[in-house]
Amino acid sequence: MFDGVAERYDLTNTVISLGQDRSWRRATRAALGLRPGERVLDVGAGTGVSTRELAQSGAYAVGVDLSLGMLHTGKRARPEVPLLAGDALRLPFADASFDAVTISFALRNVNDTDAALRELARVTRPGGRLVVCEFSTPVNPVFRTVYLSYLMRSLPVVARTVSSNPEAYVYLAESVRAWPAQSALAGRVAAAGWGRVAWRNLTGGVVALHRGIRE
């Protein structure tokens, strides 16, 4: 499915998020607190646009994704960004390889969320940081109703005008609606071996950043 949306993936994300995707990437980088010389892993990196954002901190950023179509598109668009094929459940790195890890808008696409969180912990050094950037539950009831209506009715229509595979965005809407709310996801992050777990809402809770420290 992701191979099928790769060619226009970045454009489609910008359109359907009304341009908010750029600010969400910046917020993720800031939340990681990256320093020059550190190593950061970007899981579910897609075409590498999020990996390139992380590298602006001066850290060495490497992206991993399961979709070869996304990686090929990313290699053409951003040849300077290190991108590797890999499975979030079996990352191709040794234990404690990274100072920080992140996964943006991809955790809900993994077959086993809890196993992915444990695998992220495995490749992170003790004291290292995690940031999960993912769609979440808007906190205002009125806004939540409007948002869910947009997801299920308007988003597929908008996607048809810009996406190379608009049917994939029906899955996107359904997966967002089924995803656990902020507190529930925080509990799962903590159970996977991450300490000091906290979250911060972006865009009224449309997106949430969950943070943790490797114990």
C-alpha atoms as a PDB file:
ATOM      1  CA  MET A   1       0.000   0.000   0.000  1.00  0.00           C
ATOM      2  CA  PHE A   2       2.759   2.458   0.894  1.00  0.00           C
ATOM      3  CA  ASP A   3       4.647   1.606  -2.289  1.00  0.00           C
ATOM      4  CA  GLY A   4       1.515   2.762  -4.115  1.00  0.00           C
ATOM      5  CA  VAL A   5       1.421   6.216  -2.474  1.00  0.00           C
ATOM      6  CA  ALA A   6       5.159   6.886  -2.477  1.00  0.00           C
ATOM      7  CA  GLU A   7       5.424   9.168  -5.508  1.00  0.00           C
ATOM      8  CA  ARG A   8       3.158  11.892  -4.116  1.00  0.00           C
ATOM      9  CA  TYR A   9       3.276  10.963  -0.439  1.00  0.00           C
ATOM     10  CA  ASP A  10       4.939  14.133   0.855  1.00  0.00           C
ATOM     11  CA  LEU A  11       2.681  16.452  -1.164  1.00  0.00           C
ATOM     12  CA  THR A  12      -0.440  14.574  -0.075  1.00  0.00           C
ATOM     13  CA  ASN A  13       0.555  14.772   3.603  1.00  0.00           C
ATOM     14  CA  THR A  14       1.052  18.514   3.358  1.00  0.00           C
ATOM     15  CA  VAL A  15      -2.315  19.020   1.652  1.00  0.00           C
ATOM     16  CA  ILE A  16      -4.419  16.826   3.952  1.00  0.00           C
ATOM     17  CA  SER A  17      -2.760  18.236   7.089  1.00  0.00           C
ATOM     18  CA  LEU A  18      -3.301  21.807   5.848  1.00  0.00           C
ATOM     19  CA  GLY A  19       0.441  22.369   6.075  1.00  0.00           C
ATOM     20  CA  GLN A  20       0.700  21.319   9.719  1.00  0.00           C
ATOM     21  CA  ASP A  21       3.015  18.385   8.921  1.00  0.00           C
ATOM     22  CA  ARG A  22       6.003  20.747   8.811  1.00  0.00           C
ATOM     23  CA  SER A  23       5.378  22.080  12.311  1.00  0.00           C
ATOM     24  CA  TRP A  24       4.849  18.535  13.627  1.00  0.00           C
ATOM     25  CA  ARG A  25       8.266  17.511  12.294  1.00  0.00           C
ATOM     26  CA  ARG A  26       9.904  20.529  13.905  1.00  0.00           C
ATOM     27  CA  ALA A  27       8.190  19.764  17.212  1.00  0.00           C
ATOM     28  CA  THR A  28       9.439  16.172  17.080  1.00  0.00           C
ATOM     29  CA  ARG A  29      13.009  17.314  16.540  1.00  0.00           C
ATOM     30  CA  ALA A  30      12.766  19.796  19.411  1.00  0.00           C
ATOM     31  CA  ALA A  31      11.267  17.188  21.764  1.00  0.00           C
ATOM     32  CA  LEU A  32      14.172  14.815  21.128  1.00  0.00           C
ATOM     33  CA  GLY A  33      16.655  17.445  22.330  1.00  0.00           C
ATOM     34  CA  LEU A  34      19.283  16.285  19.859  1.00  0.00           C
ATOM     35  CA  ARG A  35      22.872  17.459  20.095  1.00  0.00           C
ATOM     36  CA  PRO A  36      25.603  17.531  17.434  1.00  0.00           C
ATOM     37  CA  GLY A  37      27.401  14.217  17.231  1.00  0.00           C
ATOM     38  CA  GLU A  38      24.546  12.138  18.630  1.00  0.00           C
ATOM     39  CA  ARG A  39      23.009   9.257  16.679  1.00  0.00           C
ATOM     40  CA  VAL A  40      19.259   9.248  16.093  1.00  0.00           C
ATOM     41  CA  LEU A  41      17.133   6.577  14.406  1.00  0.00           C
ATOM     42  CA  ASP A  42      13.991   7.521  12.483  1.00  0.00           C
ATOM     43  CA  VAL A  43      11.761   4.438  12.150  1.00  0.00           C
ATOM     44  CA  GLY A  44       9.017   4.487   9.533  1.00  0.00           C
ATOM     45  CA  ALA A  45      10.957   7.244   7.810  1.00  0.00           C
ATOM     46  CA  GLY A  46       9.196   6.858   4.467  1.00  0.00           C
ATOM     47  CA  THR A  47      10.826   9.160   1.934  1.00  0.00           C
ATOM     48  CA  GLY A  48      13.190  10.623   4.525  1.00  0.00           C
ATOM     49  CA  VAL A  49      11.629  14.048   4.925  1.00  0.00           C
ATOM     50  CA  SER A  50      11.450  13.512   8.709  1.00  0.00           C
ATOM     51  CA  THR A  51      15.019  12.156   8.787  1.00  0.00           C
ATOM     52  CA  ARG A  52      16.293  15.265   7.030  1.00  0.00           C
ATOM     53  CA  GLU A  53      14.507  17.413   9.615  1.00  0.00           C
ATOM     54  CA  LEU A  54      16.257  15.535  12.447  1.00  0.00           C
ATOM     55  CA  ALA A  55      19.651  16.029  10.809  1.00  0.00           C
ATOM     56  CA  GLN A  56      19.221  19.794  11.036  1.00  0.00           C
ATOM     57  CA  SER A  57      20.074  19.437  14.733  1.00  0.00           C
ATOM     58  CA  GLY A  58      23.631  18.381  13.861  1.00  0.00           C
ATOM     59  CA  ALA A  59      22.981  14.798  14.958  1.00  0.00           C
ATOM     60  CA  TYR A  60      23.660  11.866  12.640  1.00  0.00           C
ATOM     61  CA  ALA A  61      20.176  10.763  11.544  1.00  0.00           C
ATOM     62  CA  VAL A  62      19.420   7.496   9.763  1.00  0.00           C
ATOM     63  CA  GLY A  63      15.981   6.477   8.497  1.00  0.00           C
ATOM     64  CA  VAL A  64      14.500   2.980   8.269  1.00  0.00           C
ATOM     65  CA  ASP A  65      11.335   1.905   6.460  1.00  0.00           C
ATOM     66  CA  LEU A  66       9.732  -1.336   5.323  1.00  0.00           C
ATOM     67  CA  SER A  67       8.462   0.084   2.013  1.00  0.00           C
ATOM     68  CA  LEU A  68      11.004  -0.123  -0.790  1.00  0.00           C
ATOM     69  CA  GLY A  69       8.840   2.176  -2.889  1.00  0.00           C
ATOM     70  CA  MET A  70       9.033   4.905  -0.256  1.00  0.00           C
ATOM     71  CA  LEU A  71      12.792   4.425   0.092  1.00  0.00           C
ATOM     72  CA  HIS A  72      13.390   4.600  -3.671  1.00  0.00           C
ATOM     73  CA  THR A  73      11.367   7.816  -3.877  1.00  0.00           C
ATOM     74  CA  GLY A  74      13.273   9.237  -0.933  1.00  0.00           C
ATOM     75  CA  LYS A  75      16.648   8.319  -2.417  1.00  0.00           C
ATOM     76  CA  ARG A  76      15.805  10.249  -5.581  1.00  0.00           C
ATOM     77  CA  ALA A  77      14.503  13.280  -3.722  1.00  0.00           C
ATOM     78  CA  ARG A  78      17.057  13.336  -0.873  1.00  0.00           C
ATOM     79  CA  PRO A  79      20.196  11.428  -1.883  1.00  0.00           C
ATOM     80  CA  GLU A  80      22.104  12.897   1.061  1.00  0.00           C
ATOM     81  CA  VAL A  81      19.812  11.258   3.650  1.00  0.00           C
ATOM     82  CA  PRO A  82      20.870   7.767   4.899  1.00  0.00           C
ATOM     83  CA  LEU A  83      17.858   5.485   4.331  1.00  0.00           C
ATOM     84  CA  LEU A  84      17.776   1.739   4.960  1.00  0.00           C
ATOM     85  CA  ALA A  85      15.226  -1.016   4.439  1.00  0.00           C
ATOM     86  CA  GLY A  86      14.173  -2.567   7.721  1.00  0.00           C
ATOM     87  CA  ASP A  87      11.327  -3.905   9.838  1.00  0.00           C
ATOM     88  CA  ALA A  88      10.317  -2.025  12.996  1.00  0.00           C
ATOM     89  CA  LEU A  89       9.937  -5.401  14.725  1.00  0.00           C
ATOM     90  CA  ARG A  90      13.455  -6.547  13.783  1.00  0.00           C
ATOM     91  CA  LEU A  91      15.628  -3.476  13.426  1.00  0.00           C
ATOM     92  CA  PRO A  92      19.002  -4.130  11.733  1.00  0.00           C
ATOM     93  CA  PHE A  93      21.083  -2.592  14.528  1.00  0.00           C
ATOM     94  CA  ALA A  94      22.929  -3.811  17.603  1.00  0.00           C
ATOM     95  CA  ASP A  95      21.697  -3.170  21.130  1.00  0.00           C
ATOM     96  CA  ALA A  96      22.187   0.378  22.453  1.00  0.00           C
ATOM     97  CA  SER A  97      23.235   1.767  19.048  1.00  0.00           C
ATOM     98  CA  PHE A  98      21.437   5.129  19.283  1.00  0.00           C
ATOM     99  CA  ASP A  99      21.208   8.114  21.599  1.00  0.00           C
ATOM    100  CA  ALA A 100      17.620   8.751  20.507  1.00  0.00           C
ATOM    101  CA  VAL A 101      14.903   7.057  18.471  1.00  0.00           C
ATOM    102  CA  THR A 102      11.681   8.302  16.975  1.00  0.00           C
ATOM    103  CA  ILE A 103       8.753   7.019  14.958  1.00  0.00           C
ATOM    104  CA  SER A 104       6.329   9.424  13.281  1.00  0.00           C
ATOM    105  CA  PHE A 105       2.891   8.427  11.961  1.00  0.00           C
ATOM    106  CA  ALA A 106       4.025   4.815  11.586  1.00  0.00           C
ATOM    107  CA  LEU A 107       3.575   3.101  14.946  1.00  0.00           C
ATOM    108  CA  ARG A 108      -0.096   2.414  14.266  1.00  0.00           C
ATOM    109  CA  ASN A 109       0.891   0.674  11.013  1.00  0.00           C
ATOM    110  CA  VAL A 110       3.083  -1.910  12.755  1.00  0.00           C
ATOM    111  CA  ASN A 111       1.517  -5.331  13.354  1.00  0.00           C
ATOM    112  CA  ASP A 112       2.553  -5.404  17.028  1.00  0.00           C
ATOM    113  CA  THR A 113       2.701  -1.982  18.678  1.00  0.00           C
ATOM    114  CA  ASP A 114       4.114  -3.223  21.981  1.00  0.00           C
ATOM    115  CA  ALA A 115       6.836  -5.309  20.323  1.00  0.00           C
ATOM    116  CA  ALA A 116       7.851  -2.296  18.215  1.00  0.00           C
ATOM    117  CA  LEU A 117       8.177  -0.136  21.338  1.00  0.00           C
ATOM    118  CA  ARG A 118      10.358  -2.828  22.949  1.00  0.00           C
ATOM    119  CA  GLU A 119      12.494  -3.066  19.818  1.00  0.00           C
ATOM    120  CA  LEU A 120      12.985   0.706  19.862  1.00  0.00           C
ATOM    121  CA  ALA A 121      14.130   0.383  23.476  1.00  0.00           C
ATOM    122  CA  ARG A 122      16.566  -2.394  22.539  1.00  0.00           C
ATOM    123  CA  VAL A 123      18.513  -0.238  20.074  1.00  0.00           C
ATOM    124  CA  THR A 124      18.573   2.798  22.413  1.00  0.00           C
ATOM    125  CA  ARG A 125      21.337   3.287  24.962  1.00  0.00           C
ATOM    126  CA  PRO A 126      20.381   3.561  28.666  1.00  0.00           C
ATOM    127  CA  GLY A 127      19.316   7.151  29.281  1.00  0.00           C
ATOM    128  CA  GLY A 128      18.495   7.634  25.598  1.00  0.00           C
ATOM    129  CA  ARG A 129      15.282   9.288  24.418  1.00  0.00           C
ATOM    130  CA  LEU A 130      12.179   8.235  22.528  1.00  0.00           C
ATOM    131  CA  VAL A 131       9.612  10.454  20.834  1.00  0.00           C
ATOM    132  CA  VAL A 132       6.521   8.976  19.205  1.00  0.00           C
ATOM    133  CA  CYS A 133       4.715  11.431  16.943  1.00  0.00           C
ATOM    134  CA  GLU A 134       1.318  10.019  16.070  1.00  0.00           C
ATOM    135  CA  PHE A 135      -2.258  11.001  15.327  1.00  0.00           C
ATOM    136  CA  SER A 136      -4.313  11.101  18.498  1.00  0.00           C
ATOM    137  CA  THR A 137      -7.618  12.211  20.025  1.00  0.00           C
ATOM    138  CA  PRO A 138      -8.584  15.925  19.995  1.00  0.00           C
ATOM    139  CA  VAL A 139      -9.355  17.049  23.536  1.00  0.00           C
ATOM    140  CA  ASN A 140     -12.207  19.454  22.754  1.00  0.00           C
ATOM    141  CA  PRO A 141     -15.450  17.490  22.144  1.00  0.00           C
ATOM    142  CA  VAL A 142     -16.760  19.860  19.470  1.00  0.00           C
ATOM    143  CA  PHE A 143     -13.444  19.956  17.633  1.00  0.00           C
ATOM    144  CA  ARG A 144     -13.186  16.158  17.959  1.00  0.00           C
ATOM    145  CA  THR A 145     -16.556  15.736  16.226  1.00  0.00           C
ATOM    146  CA  VAL A 146     -15.544  18.047  13.381  1.00  0.00           C
ATOM    147  CA  TYR A 147     -12.170  16.347  13.048  1.00  0.00           C
ATOM    148  CA  LEU A 148     -13.602  12.832  12.886  1.00  0.00           C
ATOM    149  CA  SER A 149     -16.086  13.993  10.263  1.00  0.00           C
ATOM    150  CA  TYR A 150     -13.181  15.385   8.211  1.00  0.00           C
ATOM    151  CA  LEU A 151     -11.290  12.111   8.551  1.00  0.00           C
ATOM    152  CA  MET A 152     -14.113   9.879   7.390  1.00  0.00           C
ATOM    153  CA  ARG A 153     -15.766  12.117   4.785  1.00  0.00           C
ATOM    154  CA  SER A 154     -13.477  14.840   3.503  1.00  0.00           C
ATOM    155  CA  LEU A 155      -9.995  13.329   3.732  1.00  0.00           C
ATOM    156  CA  PRO A 156     -10.572  10.623   1.081  1.00  0.00           C
ATOM    157  CA  VAL A 157     -12.088  13.241  -1.230  1.00  0.00           C
ATOM    158  CA  VAL A 158      -9.097  15.562  -0.803  1.00  0.00           C
ATOM    159  CA  ALA A 159      -6.688  12.646  -1.264  1.00  0.00           C
ATOM    160  CA  ARG A 160      -8.250  11.822  -4.642  1.00  0.00           C
ATOM    161  CA  THR A 161      -7.055  15.150  -6.024  1.00  0.00           C
ATOM    162  CA  VAL A 162      -3.391  14.747  -5.053  1.00  0.00           C
ATOM    163  CA  SER A 163      -2.568  11.138  -4.121  1.00  0.00           C
ATOM    164  CA  SER A 164      -1.312   8.422  -6.467  1.00  0.00           C
ATOM    165  CA  ASN A 165      -3.431   5.893  -4.506  1.00  0.00           C
ATOM    166  CA  PRO A 166      -6.381   7.648  -2.821  1.00  0.00           C
ATOM    167  CA  GLU A 167      -7.911   4.397  -1.550  1.00  0.00           C
ATOM    168  CA  ALA A 168      -4.990   4.101   0.872  1.00  0.00           C
ATOM    169  CA  TYR A 169      -6.256   7.189   2.677  1.00  0.00           C
ATOM    170  CA  VAL A 170      -9.475   5.416   3.580  1.00  0.00           C
ATOM    171  CA  TYR A 171      -7.252   3.072   5.586  1.00  0.00           C
ATOM    172  CA  LEU A 172      -5.498   6.108   7.061  1.00  0.00           C
ATOM    173  CA  ALA A 173      -8.766   7.560   8.343  1.00  0.00           C
ATOM    174  CA  GLU A 174      -9.910   4.245   9.799  1.00  0.00           C
ATOM    175  CA  SER A 175      -6.577   3.564  11.500  1.00  0.00           C
ATOM    176  CA  VAL A 176      -6.529   7.015  13.117  1.00  0.00           C
ATOM    177  CA  ARG A 177     -10.050   6.571  14.455  1.00  0.00           C
ATOM    178  CA  ALA A 178      -9.138   3.183  15.974  1.00  0.00           C
ATOM    179  CA  TRP A 179      -5.854   4.355  17.563  1.00  0.00           C
ATOM    180  CA  PRO A 180      -5.684   4.577  21.398  1.00  0.00           C
ATOM    181  CA  ALA A 181      -6.007   7.947  23.098  1.00  0.00           C
ATOM    182  CA  GLN A 182      -3.064   9.722  24.702  1.00  0.00           C
ATOM    183  CA  SER A 183      -3.206   8.153  28.179  1.00  0.00           C
ATOM    184  CA  ALA A 184      -3.669   4.636  26.828  1.00  0.00           C
ATOM    185  CA  LEU A 185      -0.671   4.941  24.517  1.00  0.00           C
ATOM    186  CA  ALA A 186       1.415   6.373  27.380  1.00  0.00           C
ATOM    187  CA  GLY A 187       0.710   3.234  29.391  1.00  0.00           C
ATOM    188  CA  ARG A 188       1.892   1.020  26.568  1.00  0.00           C
ATOM    189  CA  VAL A 189       5.079   3.050  26.128  1.00  0.00           C
ATOM    190  CA  ALA A 190       5.859   2.671  29.835  1.00  0.00           C
ATOM    191  CA  ALA A 191       5.162  -1.070  29.765  1.00  0.00           C
ATOM    192  CA  ALA A 192       7.700  -1.476  26.940  1.00  0.00           C
ATOM    193  CA  GLY A 193      10.605  -0.327  29.106  1.00  0.00           C
ATOM    194  CA  TRP A 194      10.502   3.447  28.830  1.00  0.00           C
ATOM    195  CA  GLY A 195      10.561   5.639  31.916  1.00  0.00           C
ATOM    196  CA  ARG A 196       9.409   9.209  32.658  1.00  0.00           C
ATOM    197  CA  VAL A 197       6.723   8.878  29.989  1.00  0.00           C
ATOM    198  CA  ALA A 198       4.816  12.047  29.181  1.00  0.00           C
ATOM    199  CA  TRP A 199       2.906  13.461  26.255  1.00  0.00           C
ATOM    200  CA  ARG A 200       2.120  16.820  24.717  1.00  0.00           C
ATOM    201  CA  ASN A 201      -0.745  17.594  22.367  1.00  0.00           C
ATOM    202  CA  LEU A 202      -0.205  19.376  19.067  1.00  0.00           C
ATOM    203  CA  THR A 203      -2.973  21.032  17.047  1.00  0.00           C
ATOM    204  CA  GLY A 204      -5.499  20.465  19.817  1.00  0.00           C
ATOM    205  CA  GLY A 205      -4.720  16.761  20.107  1.00  0.00           C
ATOM    206  CA  VAL A 206      -4.922  15.899  16.408  1.00  0.00           C
ATOM    207  CA  VAL A 207      -1.335  14.790  16.996  1.00  0.00           C
ATOM    208  CA  ALA A 208       0.425  13.914  20.247  1.00  0.00           C
ATOM    209  CA  LEU A 209       4.107  13.624  21.069  1.00  0.00           C
ATOM    210  CA  HIS A 210       4.834  10.840  23.556  1.00  0.00           C
ATOM    211  CA  ARG A 211       8.255  10.978  25.180  1.00  0.00           C
ATOM    212  CA  GLY A 212      10.209   8.485  27.249  1.00  0.00           C
ATOM    213  CA  ILE A 213      13.681   7.740  28.610  1.00  0.00           C
ATOM    214  CA  ARG A 214      15.358   4.353  28.175  1.00  0.00           C
ATOM    215  CA  GLU A 215      15.648   2.731  31.582  1.00  0.00           C
END
